[in-house]
């Protein structure tokens, strides 16, 4: 993702981003919890716990995408690998709706 897109996203402005789905049931997410509906793996520059709207649906950033994916958002879905592959990559609107509170 280009730096300007990161600035726009942090300012709560909607941006277009590449979104995929994943179905890993074996591992815990970066926040330590098991995978669940409403979880999304976000780019590394977005804090865990941030709530976002992706394509009009609410998600919480609970995991990280790989560095090589460069800004992609990856939504966890209880689907088979084949079904996730069929969904493929989509360009959807992403907007931050709530940042995590500091602890």
PDB file of N, CA and C in Angstrom:
ATOM      1  N   UNK A   1       0.851  -1.175   0.000  1.00  0.00           N
ATOM      2  CA  UNK A   1       0.000   0.000   0.000  1.00  0.00           C
ATOM      3  C   UNK A   1       0.897   1.237   0.000  1.00  0.00           C
ATOM      4  N   UNK A   2       0.521   2.227  -0.767  1.00  0.00           N
ATOM      5  CA  UNK A   2       1.286   3.455  -0.845  1.00  0.00           C
ATOM      6  C   UNK A   2       1.101   4.251   0.442  1.00  0.00           C
ATOM      7  N   UNK A   3       2.099   5.066   0.843  1.00  0.00           N
ATOM      8  CA  UNK A   3       1.999   5.841   2.077  1.00  0.00           C
ATOM      9  C   UNK A   3       0.758   6.726   2.132  1.00  0.00           C
ATOM     10  N   UNK A   4       0.328   7.286   1.019  1.00  0.00           N
ATOM     11  CA  UNK A   4      -0.857   8.150   1.036  1.00  0.00           C
ATOM     12  C   UNK A   4      -2.102   7.357   1.412  1.00  0.00           C
ATOM     13  N   UNK A   5      -2.184   6.106   0.978  1.00  0.00           N
ATOM     14  CA  UNK A   5      -3.328   5.270   1.333  1.00  0.00           C
ATOM     15  C   UNK A   5      -3.340   5.010   2.830  1.00  0.00           C
ATOM     16  N   UNK A   6      -2.163   4.807   3.425  1.00  0.00           N
ATOM     17  CA  UNK A   6      -2.078   4.579   4.866  1.00  0.00           C
ATOM     18  C   UNK A   6      -2.550   5.817   5.620  1.00  0.00           C
ATOM     19  N   UNK A   7      -2.163   6.992   5.166  1.00  0.00           N
ATOM     20  CA  UNK A   7      -2.588   8.235   5.816  1.00  0.00           C
ATOM     21  C   UNK A   7      -4.097   8.400   5.710  1.00  0.00           C
ATOM     22  N   UNK A   8      -4.663   8.134   4.545  1.00  0.00           N
ATOM     23  CA  UNK A   8      -6.106   8.250   4.378  1.00  0.00           C
ATOM     24  C   UNK A   8      -6.851   7.270   5.270  1.00  0.00           C
ATOM     25  N   UNK A   9      -6.349   6.045   5.377  1.00  0.00           N
ATOM     26  CA  UNK A   9      -7.018   5.045   6.198  1.00  0.00           C
ATOM     27  C   UNK A   9      -6.991   5.458   7.660  1.00  0.00           C
ATOM     28  N   UNK A  10      -5.864   5.961   8.127  1.00  0.00           N
ATOM     29  CA  UNK A  10      -5.761   6.369   9.520  1.00  0.00           C
ATOM     30  C   UNK A  10      -6.623   7.584   9.822  1.00  0.00           C
ATOM     31  N   UNK A  11      -6.990   8.339   8.800  1.00  0.00           N
ATOM     32  CA  UNK A  11      -7.840   9.511   8.981  1.00  0.00           C
ATOM     33  C   UNK A  11      -9.316   9.151   8.865  1.00  0.00           C
ATOM     34  N   UNK A  12      -9.656   7.873   8.889  1.00  0.00           N
ATOM     35  CA  UNK A  12     -11.025   7.369   8.811  1.00  0.00           C
ATOM     36  C   UNK A  12     -11.698   7.637   7.472  1.00  0.00           C
ATOM     37  N   UNK A  13     -10.928   7.820   6.443  1.00  0.00           N
ATOM     38  CA  UNK A  13     -11.459   7.964   5.102  1.00  0.00           C
ATOM     39  C   UNK A  13     -11.457   6.601   4.444  1.00  0.00           C
ATOM     40  N   UNK A  14     -12.480   6.308   3.695  1.00  0.00           N
ATOM     41  CA  UNK A  14     -12.531   5.020   3.003  1.00  0.00           C
ATOM     42  C   UNK A  14     -11.492   4.969   1.899  1.00  0.00           C
ATOM     43  N   UNK A  15     -10.865   3.820   1.772  1.00  0.00           N
ATOM     44  CA  UNK A  15      -9.933   3.590   0.676  1.00  0.00           C
ATOM     45  C   UNK A  15     -10.316   2.274   0.007  1.00  0.00           C
ATOM     46  N   UNK A  16      -9.883   2.092  -1.207  1.00  0.00           N
ATOM     47  CA  UNK A  16     -10.073   0.814  -1.900  1.00  0.00           C
ATOM     48  C   UNK A  16      -8.858  -0.044  -1.587  1.00  0.00           C
ATOM     49  N   UNK A  17      -9.086  -1.292  -1.192  1.00  0.00           N
ATOM     50  CA  UNK A  17      -7.986  -2.186  -0.844  1.00  0.00           C
ATOM     51  C   UNK A  17      -8.282  -3.587  -1.360  1.00  0.00           C
ATOM     52  N   UNK A  18      -7.232  -4.377  -1.516  1.00  0.00           N
ATOM     53  CA  UNK A  18      -7.395  -5.763  -1.921  1.00  0.00           C
ATOM     54  C   UNK A  18      -7.795  -6.581  -0.696  1.00  0.00           C
ATOM     55  N   UNK A  19      -8.878  -7.339  -0.833  1.00  0.00           N
ATOM     56  CA  UNK A  19      -9.401  -8.151   0.267  1.00  0.00           C
ATOM     57  C   UNK A  19      -9.524  -9.598  -0.204  1.00  0.00           C
ATOM     58  N   UNK A  20      -9.073 -10.525   0.641  1.00  0.00           N
ATOM     59  CA  UNK A  20      -9.186 -11.953   0.372  1.00  0.00           C
ATOM     60  C   UNK A  20      -9.807 -12.615   1.594  1.00  0.00           C
ATOM     61  N   UNK A  21     -10.009 -13.938   1.546  1.00  0.00           N
ATOM     62  CA  UNK A  21     -10.471 -14.647   2.738  1.00  0.00           C
ATOM     63  C   UNK A  21      -9.522 -15.799   3.022  1.00  0.00           C
ATOM     64  N   UNK A  22      -9.492 -16.203   4.304  1.00  0.00           N
ATOM     65  CA  UNK A  22      -8.683 -17.361   4.675  1.00  0.00           C
ATOM     66  C   UNK A  22      -9.477 -18.240   5.614  1.00  0.00           C
ATOM     67  N   UNK A  23      -9.024 -19.481   5.801  1.00  0.00           N
ATOM     68  CA  UNK A  23      -9.803 -20.448   6.569  1.00  0.00           C
ATOM     69  C   UNK A  23      -8.964 -21.272   7.527  1.00  0.00           C
ATOM     70  N   UNK A  24      -7.827 -20.774   7.967  1.00  0.00           N
ATOM     71  CA  UNK A  24      -6.946 -21.523   8.852  1.00  0.00           C
ATOM     72  C   UNK A  24      -7.618 -21.759  10.205  1.00  0.00           C
ATOM     73  N   UNK A  25      -7.850 -23.012  10.571  1.00  0.00           N
ATOM     74  CA  UNK A  25      -8.513 -23.352  11.834  1.00  0.00           C
ATOM     75  C   UNK A  25      -7.516 -23.809  12.893  1.00  0.00           C
ATOM     76  N   UNK A  26      -6.267 -24.022  12.516  1.00  0.00           N
ATOM     77  CA  UNK A  26      -5.301 -24.646  13.415  1.00  0.00           C
ATOM     78  C   UNK A  26      -4.553 -23.681  14.311  1.00  0.00           C
ATOM     79  N   UNK A  27      -4.382 -22.464  13.914  1.00  0.00           N
ATOM     80  CA  UNK A  27      -3.519 -21.543  14.642  1.00  0.00           C
ATOM     81  C   UNK A  27      -4.296 -20.445  15.353  1.00  0.00           C
ATOM     82  N   UNK A  28      -3.639 -19.855  16.317  1.00  0.00           N
ATOM     83  CA  UNK A  28      -4.195 -18.685  16.989  1.00  0.00           C
ATOM     84  C   UNK A  28      -3.807 -17.446  16.179  1.00  0.00           C
ATOM     85  N   UNK A  29      -4.584 -16.401  16.361  1.00  0.00           N
ATOM     86  CA  UNK A  29      -4.303 -15.154  15.656  1.00  0.00           C
ATOM     87  C   UNK A  29      -3.259 -14.358  16.437  1.00  0.00           C
ATOM     88  N   UNK A  30      -2.792 -13.272  15.875  1.00  0.00           N
ATOM     89  CA  UNK A  30      -1.745 -12.456  16.498  1.00  0.00           C
ATOM     90  C   UNK A  30      -2.174 -11.904  17.852  1.00  0.00           C
ATOM     91  N   UNK A  31      -3.471 -11.728  18.083  1.00  0.00           N
ATOM     92  CA  UNK A  31      -3.931 -11.216  19.376  1.00  0.00           C
ATOM     93  C   UNK A  31      -4.059 -12.322  20.421  1.00  0.00           C
ATOM     94  N   UNK A  32      -3.735 -13.578  20.053  1.00  0.00           N
ATOM     95  CA  UNK A  32      -3.756 -14.688  20.995  1.00  0.00           C
ATOM     96  C   UNK A  32      -5.040 -15.499  21.012  1.00  0.00           C
ATOM     97  N   UNK A  33      -6.079 -15.024  20.363  1.00  0.00           N
ATOM     98  CA  UNK A  33      -7.362 -15.726  20.345  1.00  0.00           C
ATOM     99  C   UNK A  33      -7.442 -16.695  19.166  1.00  0.00           C
ATOM    100  N   UNK A  34      -8.392 -17.611  19.272  1.00  0.00           N
ATOM    101  CA  UNK A  34      -8.648 -18.519  18.164  1.00  0.00           C
ATOM    102  C   UNK A  34      -9.415 -17.762  17.083  1.00  0.00           C
ATOM    103  N   UNK A  35      -9.386 -18.288  15.866  1.00  0.00           N
ATOM    104  CA  UNK A  35     -10.100 -17.650  14.761  1.00  0.00           C
ATOM    105  C   UNK A  35     -11.600 -17.614  15.065  1.00  0.00           C
ATOM    106  N   UNK A  36     -12.276 -16.578  14.581  1.00  0.00           N
ATOM    107  CA  UNK A  36     -13.711 -16.434  14.811  1.00  0.00           C
ATOM    108  C   UNK A  36     -14.312 -15.511  13.765  1.00  0.00           C
ATOM    109  N   UNK A  37     -15.630 -15.609  13.623  1.00  0.00           N
ATOM    110  CA  UNK A  37     -16.326 -14.716  12.694  1.00  0.00           C
ATOM    111  C   UNK A  37     -16.114 -13.274  13.114  1.00  0.00           C
ATOM    112  N   UNK A  38     -15.923 -12.418  12.151  1.00  0.00           N
ATOM    113  CA  UNK A  38     -15.712 -10.999  12.424  1.00  0.00           C
ATOM    114  C   UNK A  38     -14.245 -10.627  12.565  1.00  0.00           C
ATOM    115  N   UNK A  39     -13.361 -11.620  12.437  1.00  0.00           N
ATOM    116  CA  UNK A  39     -11.925 -11.353  12.540  1.00  0.00           C
ATOM    117  C   UNK A  39     -11.347 -11.091  11.164  1.00  0.00           C
ATOM    118  N   UNK A  40     -10.381 -10.186  11.127  1.00  0.00           N
ATOM    119  CA  UNK A  40      -9.693  -9.880   9.875  1.00  0.00           C
ATOM    120  C   UNK A  40      -8.207  -9.723  10.166  1.00  0.00           C
ATOM    121  N   UNK A  41      -7.395 -10.208   9.243  1.00  0.00           N
ATOM    122  CA  UNK A  41      -5.948  -9.983   9.312  1.00  0.00           C
ATOM    123  C   UNK A  41      -5.678  -8.709   8.522  1.00  0.00           C
ATOM    124  N   UNK A  42      -5.077  -7.745   9.185  1.00  0.00           N
ATOM    125  CA  UNK A  42      -4.830  -6.466   8.542  1.00  0.00           C
ATOM    126  C   UNK A  42      -3.354  -6.221   8.299  1.00  0.00           C
ATOM    127  N   UNK A  43      -3.046  -5.169   7.568  1.00  0.00           N
ATOM    128  CA  UNK A  43      -1.656  -4.785   7.345  1.00  0.00           C
ATOM    129  C   UNK A  43      -0.962  -4.514   8.684  1.00  0.00           C
ATOM    130  N   UNK A  44       0.334  -4.661   8.717  1.00  0.00           N
ATOM    131  CA  UNK A  44       1.083  -4.540   9.969  1.00  0.00           C
ATOM    132  C   UNK A  44       1.064  -3.141  10.573  1.00  0.00           C
ATOM    133  N   UNK A  45       0.740  -2.122   9.808  1.00  0.00           N
ATOM    134  CA  UNK A  45       0.717  -0.770  10.348  1.00  0.00           C
ATOM    135  C   UNK A  45      -0.618  -0.417  10.998  1.00  0.00           C
ATOM    136  N   UNK A  46      -1.589  -1.338  10.986  1.00  0.00           N
ATOM    137  CA  UNK A  46      -2.877  -1.122  11.656  1.00  0.00           C
ATOM    138  C   UNK A  46      -2.825  -1.869  12.984  1.00  0.00           C
ATOM    139  N   UNK A  47      -3.141  -1.188  14.096  1.00  0.00           N
ATOM    140  CA  UNK A  47      -3.049  -1.794  15.415  1.00  0.00           C
ATOM    141  C   UNK A  47      -4.085  -2.899  15.596  1.00  0.00           C
ATOM    142  N   UNK A  48      -3.677  -3.948  16.316  1.00  0.00           N
ATOM    143  CA  UNK A  48      -4.618  -5.013  16.661  1.00  0.00           C
ATOM    144  C   UNK A  48      -5.738  -4.410  17.503  1.00  0.00           C
ATOM    145  N   UNK A  49      -6.954  -4.855  17.280  1.00  0.00           N
ATOM    146  CA  UNK A  49      -8.107  -4.335  18.005  1.00  0.00           C
ATOM    147  C   UNK A  49      -8.838  -3.227  17.275  1.00  0.00           C
ATOM    148  N   UNK A  50      -8.258  -2.728  16.187  1.00  0.00           N
ATOM    149  CA  UNK A  50      -8.907  -1.685  15.400  1.00  0.00           C
ATOM    150  C   UNK A  50     -10.150  -2.267  14.729  1.00  0.00           C
ATOM    151  N   UNK A  51     -11.230  -1.530  14.766  1.00  0.00           N
ATOM    152  CA  UNK A  51     -12.458  -1.975  14.105  1.00  0.00           C
ATOM    153  C   UNK A  51     -12.579  -1.265  12.767  1.00  0.00           C
ATOM    154  N   UNK A  52     -12.939  -2.045  11.745  1.00  0.00           N
ATOM    155  CA  UNK A  52     -13.018  -1.510  10.392  1.00  0.00           C
ATOM    156  C   UNK A  52     -14.311  -1.948   9.714  1.00  0.00           C
ATOM    157  N   UNK A  53     -14.704  -1.174   8.723  1.00  0.00           N
ATOM    158  CA  UNK A  53     -15.794  -1.559   7.824  1.00  0.00           C
ATOM    159  C   UNK A  53     -15.151  -1.978   6.515  1.00  0.00           C
ATOM    160  N   UNK A  54     -15.443  -3.189   6.084  1.00  0.00           N
ATOM    161  CA  UNK A  54     -14.941  -3.675   4.800  1.00  0.00           C
ATOM    162  C   UNK A  54     -16.144  -4.088   3.977  1.00  0.00           C
ATOM    163  N   UNK A  55     -16.349  -3.381   2.890  1.00  0.00           N
ATOM    164  CA  UNK A  55     -17.491  -3.690   2.042  1.00  0.00           C
ATOM    165  C   UNK A  55     -18.811  -3.588   2.778  1.00  0.00           C
ATOM    166  N   UNK A  56     -18.899  -2.694   3.770  1.00  0.00           N
ATOM    167  CA  UNK A  56     -20.140  -2.483   4.510  1.00  0.00           C
ATOM    168  C   UNK A  56     -20.337  -3.390   5.712  1.00  0.00           C
ATOM    169  N   UNK A  57     -19.387  -4.278   6.015  1.00  0.00           N
ATOM    170  CA  UNK A  57     -19.496  -5.172   7.177  1.00  0.00           C
ATOM    171  C   UNK A  57     -18.408  -4.851   8.187  1.00  0.00           C
ATOM    172  N   UNK A  58     -18.732  -5.029   9.477  1.00  0.00           N
ATOM    173  CA  UNK A  58     -17.788  -4.711  10.548  1.00  0.00           C
ATOM    174  C   UNK A  58     -16.869  -5.884  10.860  1.00  0.00           C
ATOM    175  N   UNK A  59     -15.585  -5.561  11.057  1.00  0.00           N
ATOM    176  CA  UNK A  59     -14.582  -6.555  11.421  1.00  0.00           C
ATOM    177  C   UNK A  59     -13.642  -5.948  12.448  1.00  0.00           C
ATOM    178  N   UNK A  60     -12.962  -6.823  13.196  1.00  0.00           N
ATOM    179  CA  UNK A  60     -11.935  -6.402  14.144  1.00  0.00           C
ATOM    180  C   UNK A  60     -10.606  -6.973  13.687  1.00  0.00           C
ATOM    181  N   UNK A  61      -9.580  -6.133  13.669  1.00  0.00           N
ATOM    182  CA  UNK A  61      -8.249  -6.578  13.274  1.00  0.00           C
ATOM    183  C   UNK A  61      -7.676  -7.412  14.426  1.00  0.00           C
ATOM    184  N   UNK A  62      -7.587  -8.721  14.226  1.00  0.00           N
ATOM    185  CA  UNK A  62      -7.100  -9.657  15.240  1.00  0.00           C
ATOM    186  C   UNK A  62      -5.831 -10.370  14.810  1.00  0.00           C
ATOM    187  N   UNK A  63      -5.441 -10.210  13.571  1.00  0.00           N
ATOM    188  CA  UNK A  63      -4.314 -10.943  13.020  1.00  0.00           C
ATOM    189  C   UNK A  63      -3.570 -10.054  12.028  1.00  0.00           C
ATOM    190  N   UNK A  64      -2.438 -10.517  11.569  1.00  0.00           N
ATOM    191  CA  UNK A  64      -1.589  -9.785  10.638  1.00  0.00           C
ATOM    192  C   UNK A  64      -1.467 -10.538   9.320  1.00  0.00           C
ATOM    193  N   UNK A  65      -1.424  -9.793   8.239  1.00  0.00           N
ATOM    194  CA  UNK A  65      -1.116 -10.411   6.956  1.00  0.00           C
ATOM    195  C   UNK A  65       0.408 -10.493   6.834  1.00  0.00           C
ATOM    196  N   UNK A  66       0.872 -11.346   5.959  1.00  0.00           N
ATOM    197  CA  UNK A  66       2.312 -11.490   5.737  1.00  0.00           C
ATOM    198  C   UNK A  66       2.883 -10.204   5.125  1.00  0.00           C
ATOM    199  N   UNK A  67       4.110  -9.915   5.450  1.00  0.00           N
ATOM    200  CA  UNK A  67       4.767  -8.711   4.917  1.00  0.00           C
ATOM    201  C   UNK A  67       4.715  -8.673   3.388  1.00  0.00           C
ATOM    202  N   UNK A  68       4.856  -9.806   2.755  1.00  0.00           N
ATOM    203  CA  UNK A  68       4.888  -9.860   1.285  1.00  0.00           C
ATOM    204  C   UNK A  68       3.552  -9.494   0.643  1.00  0.00           C
ATOM    205  N   UNK A  69       2.464  -9.496   1.425  1.00  0.00           N
ATOM    206  CA  UNK A  69       1.152  -9.167   0.860  1.00  0.00           C
ATOM    207  C   UNK A  69       0.916  -7.668   0.767  1.00  0.00           C
ATOM    208  N   UNK A  70       1.763  -6.858   1.389  1.00  0.00           N
ATOM    209  CA  UNK A  70       1.815  -5.419   1.180  1.00  0.00           C
ATOM    210  C   UNK A  70       0.471  -4.695   1.245  1.00  0.00           C
ATOM    211  N   UNK A  71      -0.177  -4.739   2.411  1.00  0.00           N
ATOM    212  CA  UNK A  71      -1.389  -3.950   2.596  1.00  0.00           C
ATOM    213  C   UNK A  71      -2.694  -4.669   2.336  1.00  0.00           C
ATOM    214  N   UNK A  72      -2.653  -5.943   2.038  1.00  0.00           N
ATOM    215  CA  UNK A  72      -3.881  -6.707   1.794  1.00  0.00           C
ATOM    216  C   UNK A  72      -4.631  -6.953   3.103  1.00  0.00           C
ATOM    217  N   UNK A  73      -5.929  -7.079   3.037  1.00  0.00           N
ATOM    218  CA  UNK A  73      -6.790  -7.428   4.168  1.00  0.00           C
ATOM    219  C   UNK A  73      -7.288  -8.846   3.929  1.00  0.00           C
ATOM    220  N   UNK A  74      -7.285  -9.669   4.972  1.00  0.00           N
ATOM    221  CA  UNK A  74      -7.613 -11.084   4.834  1.00  0.00           C
ATOM    222  C   UNK A  74      -8.690 -11.438   5.866  1.00  0.00           C
ATOM    223  N   UNK A  75      -9.905 -11.664   5.422  1.00  0.00           N
ATOM    224  CA  UNK A  75     -11.038 -11.927   6.315  1.00  0.00           C
ATOM    225  C   UNK A  75     -11.122 -13.420   6.615  1.00  0.00           C
ATOM    226  N   UNK A  76     -11.251 -13.778   7.903  1.00  0.00           N
ATOM    227  CA  UNK A  76     -11.420 -15.185   8.259  1.00  0.00           C
ATOM    228  C   UNK A  76     -12.862 -15.595   8.003  1.00  0.00           C
ATOM    229  N   UNK A  77     -13.038 -16.730   7.343  1.00  0.00           N
ATOM    230  CA  UNK A  77     -14.368 -17.269   7.057  1.00  0.00           C
ATOM    231  C   UNK A  77     -14.372 -18.767   7.318  1.00  0.00           C
ATOM    232  N   UNK A  78     -15.466 -19.305   7.858  1.00  0.00           N
ATOM    233  CA  UNK A  78     -15.543 -20.748   8.129  1.00  0.00           C
ATOM    234  C   UNK A  78     -15.889 -21.531   6.868  1.00  0.00           C
ATOM    235  N   UNK A  79     -15.053 -21.399   5.875  1.00  0.00           N
ATOM    236  CA  UNK A  79     -15.265 -22.050   4.581  1.00  0.00           C
ATOM    237  C   UNK A  79     -14.118 -23.006   4.305  1.00  0.00           C
ATOM    238  N   UNK A  80     -14.277 -23.815   3.290  1.00  0.00           N
ATOM    239  CA  UNK A  80     -13.183 -24.685   2.863  1.00  0.00           C
ATOM    240  C   UNK A  80     -12.143 -23.841   2.121  1.00  0.00           C
ATOM    241  N   UNK A  81     -10.951 -24.404   1.985  1.00  0.00           N
ATOM    242  CA  UNK A  81      -9.907 -23.711   1.232  1.00  0.00           C
ATOM    243  C   UNK A  81     -10.370 -23.461  -0.196  1.00  0.00           C
ATOM    244  N   UNK A  82     -11.036 -24.450  -0.764  1.00  0.00           N
ATOM    245  CA  UNK A  82     -11.531 -24.326  -2.136  1.00  0.00           C
ATOM    246  C   UNK A  82     -12.525 -23.161  -2.271  1.00  0.00           C
ATOM    247  N   UNK A  83     -13.430 -23.022  -1.286  1.00  0.00           N
ATOM    248  CA  UNK A  83     -14.410 -21.925  -1.323  1.00  0.00           C
ATOM    249  C   UNK A  83     -13.718 -20.574  -1.205  1.00  0.00           C
ATOM    250  N   UNK A  84     -12.696 -20.487  -0.346  1.00  0.00           N
ATOM    251  CA  UNK A  84     -11.943 -19.229  -0.223  1.00  0.00           C
ATOM    252  C   UNK A  84     -11.229 -18.898  -1.531  1.00  0.00           C
ATOM    253  N   UNK A  85     -10.673 -19.902  -2.165  1.00  0.00           N
ATOM    254  CA  UNK A  85      -9.997 -19.676  -3.446  1.00  0.00           C
ATOM    255  C   UNK A  85     -10.997 -19.210  -4.504  1.00  0.00           C
ATOM    256  N   UNK A  86     -12.214 -19.739  -4.444  1.00  0.00           N
ATOM    257  CA  UNK A  86     -13.241 -19.342  -5.409  1.00  0.00           C
ATOM    258  C   UNK A  86     -13.636 -17.873  -5.225  1.00  0.00           C
ATOM    259  N   UNK A  87     -13.677 -17.420  -3.969  1.00  0.00           N
ATOM    260  CA  UNK A  87     -13.980 -16.006  -3.695  1.00  0.00           C
ATOM    261  C   UNK A  87     -12.894 -15.125  -4.290  1.00  0.00           C
ATOM    262  N   UNK A  88     -11.647 -15.546  -4.139  1.00  0.00           N
ATOM    263  CA  UNK A  88     -10.528 -14.842  -4.756  1.00  0.00           C
ATOM    264  C   UNK A  88     -10.232 -13.483  -4.149  1.00  0.00           C
ATOM    265  N   UNK A  89      -9.551 -12.641  -4.924  1.00  0.00           N
ATOM    266  CA  UNK A  89      -9.203 -11.283  -4.486  1.00  0.00           C
ATOM    267  C   UNK A  89     -10.268 -10.318  -4.979  1.00  0.00           C
ATOM    268  N   UNK A  90     -10.620  -9.387  -4.109  1.00  0.00           N
ATOM    269  CA  UNK A  90     -11.589  -8.355  -4.485  1.00  0.00           C
ATOM    270  C   UNK A  90     -11.085  -6.998  -4.023  1.00  0.00           C
ATOM    271  N   UNK A  91     -11.446  -5.969  -4.738  1.00  0.00           N
ATOM    272  CA  UNK A  91     -11.153  -4.605  -4.310  1.00  0.00           C
ATOM    273  C   UNK A  91     -12.403  -4.073  -3.630  1.00  0.00           C
ATOM    274  N   UNK A  92     -12.287  -3.820  -2.321  1.00  0.00           N
ATOM    275  CA  UNK A  92     -13.417  -3.340  -1.537  1.00  0.00           C
ATOM    276  C   UNK A  92     -13.038  -2.084  -0.773  1.00  0.00           C
ATOM    277  N   UNK A  93     -14.047  -1.383  -0.294  1.00  0.00           N
ATOM    278  CA  UNK A  93     -13.855  -0.195   0.506  1.00  0.00           C
ATOM    279  C   UNK A  93     -13.509  -0.600   1.942  1.00  0.00           C
ATOM    280  N   UNK A  94     -12.460   0.027   2.510  1.00  0.00           N
ATOM    281  CA  UNK A  94     -12.047  -0.219   3.894  1.00  0.00           C
ATOM    282  C   UNK A  94     -12.025   1.116   4.616  1.00  0.00           C
ATOM    283  N   UNK A  95     -12.647   1.148   5.809  1.00  0.00           N
ATOM    284  CA  UNK A  95     -12.671   2.385   6.606  1.00  0.00           C
ATOM    285  C   UNK A  95     -12.537   2.046   8.074  1.00  0.00           C
ATOM    286  N   UNK A  96     -11.642   2.746   8.788  1.00  0.00           N
ATOM    287  CA  UNK A  96     -11.488   2.571  10.229  1.00  0.00           C
ATOM    288  C   UNK A  96     -12.695   3.213  10.907  1.00  0.00           C
ATOM    289  N   UNK A  97     -13.359   2.448  11.788  1.00  0.00           N
ATOM    290  CA  UNK A  97     -14.491   3.024  12.518  1.00  0.00           C
ATOM    291  C   UNK A  97     -14.194   3.209  13.997  1.00  0.00           C
ATOM    292  N   UNK A  98     -13.208   2.459  14.543  1.00  0.00           N
ATOM    293  CA  UNK A  98     -12.822   2.648  15.931  1.00  0.00           C
ATOM    294  C   UNK A  98     -11.413   2.138  16.151  1.00  0.00           C
ATOM    295  N   UNK A  99     -10.580   2.991  16.716  1.00  0.00           N
ATOM    296  CA  UNK A  99      -9.226   2.594  17.037  1.00  0.00           C
ATOM    297  C   UNK A  99      -9.216   1.986  18.440  1.00  0.00           C
ATOM    298  N   UNK A 100      -8.263   1.084  18.725  1.00  0.00           N
ATOM    299  CA  UNK A 100      -8.221   0.472  20.054  1.00  0.00           C
ATOM    300  C   UNK A 100      -7.829   1.481  21.113  1.00  0.00           C
ATOM    301  N   UNK A 101      -8.346   1.275  22.324  1.00  0.00           N
ATOM    302  CA  UNK A 101      -7.973   2.154  23.429  1.00  0.00           C
ATOM    303  C   UNK A 101      -6.641   1.686  23.980  1.00  0.00           C
ATOM    304  N   UNK A 102      -5.867   2.619  24.494  1.00  0.00           N
ATOM    305  CA  UNK A 102      -4.559   2.266  25.058  1.00  0.00           C
ATOM    306  C   UNK A 102      -4.769   1.625  26.417  1.00  0.00           C
ATOM    307  N   UNK A 103      -3.908   0.660  26.728  1.00  0.00           N
ATOM    308  CA  UNK A 103      -3.995  -0.025  28.027  1.00  0.00           C
ATOM    309  C   UNK A 103      -2.805   0.321  28.869  1.00  0.00           C
TER     310      UNK A 103
END
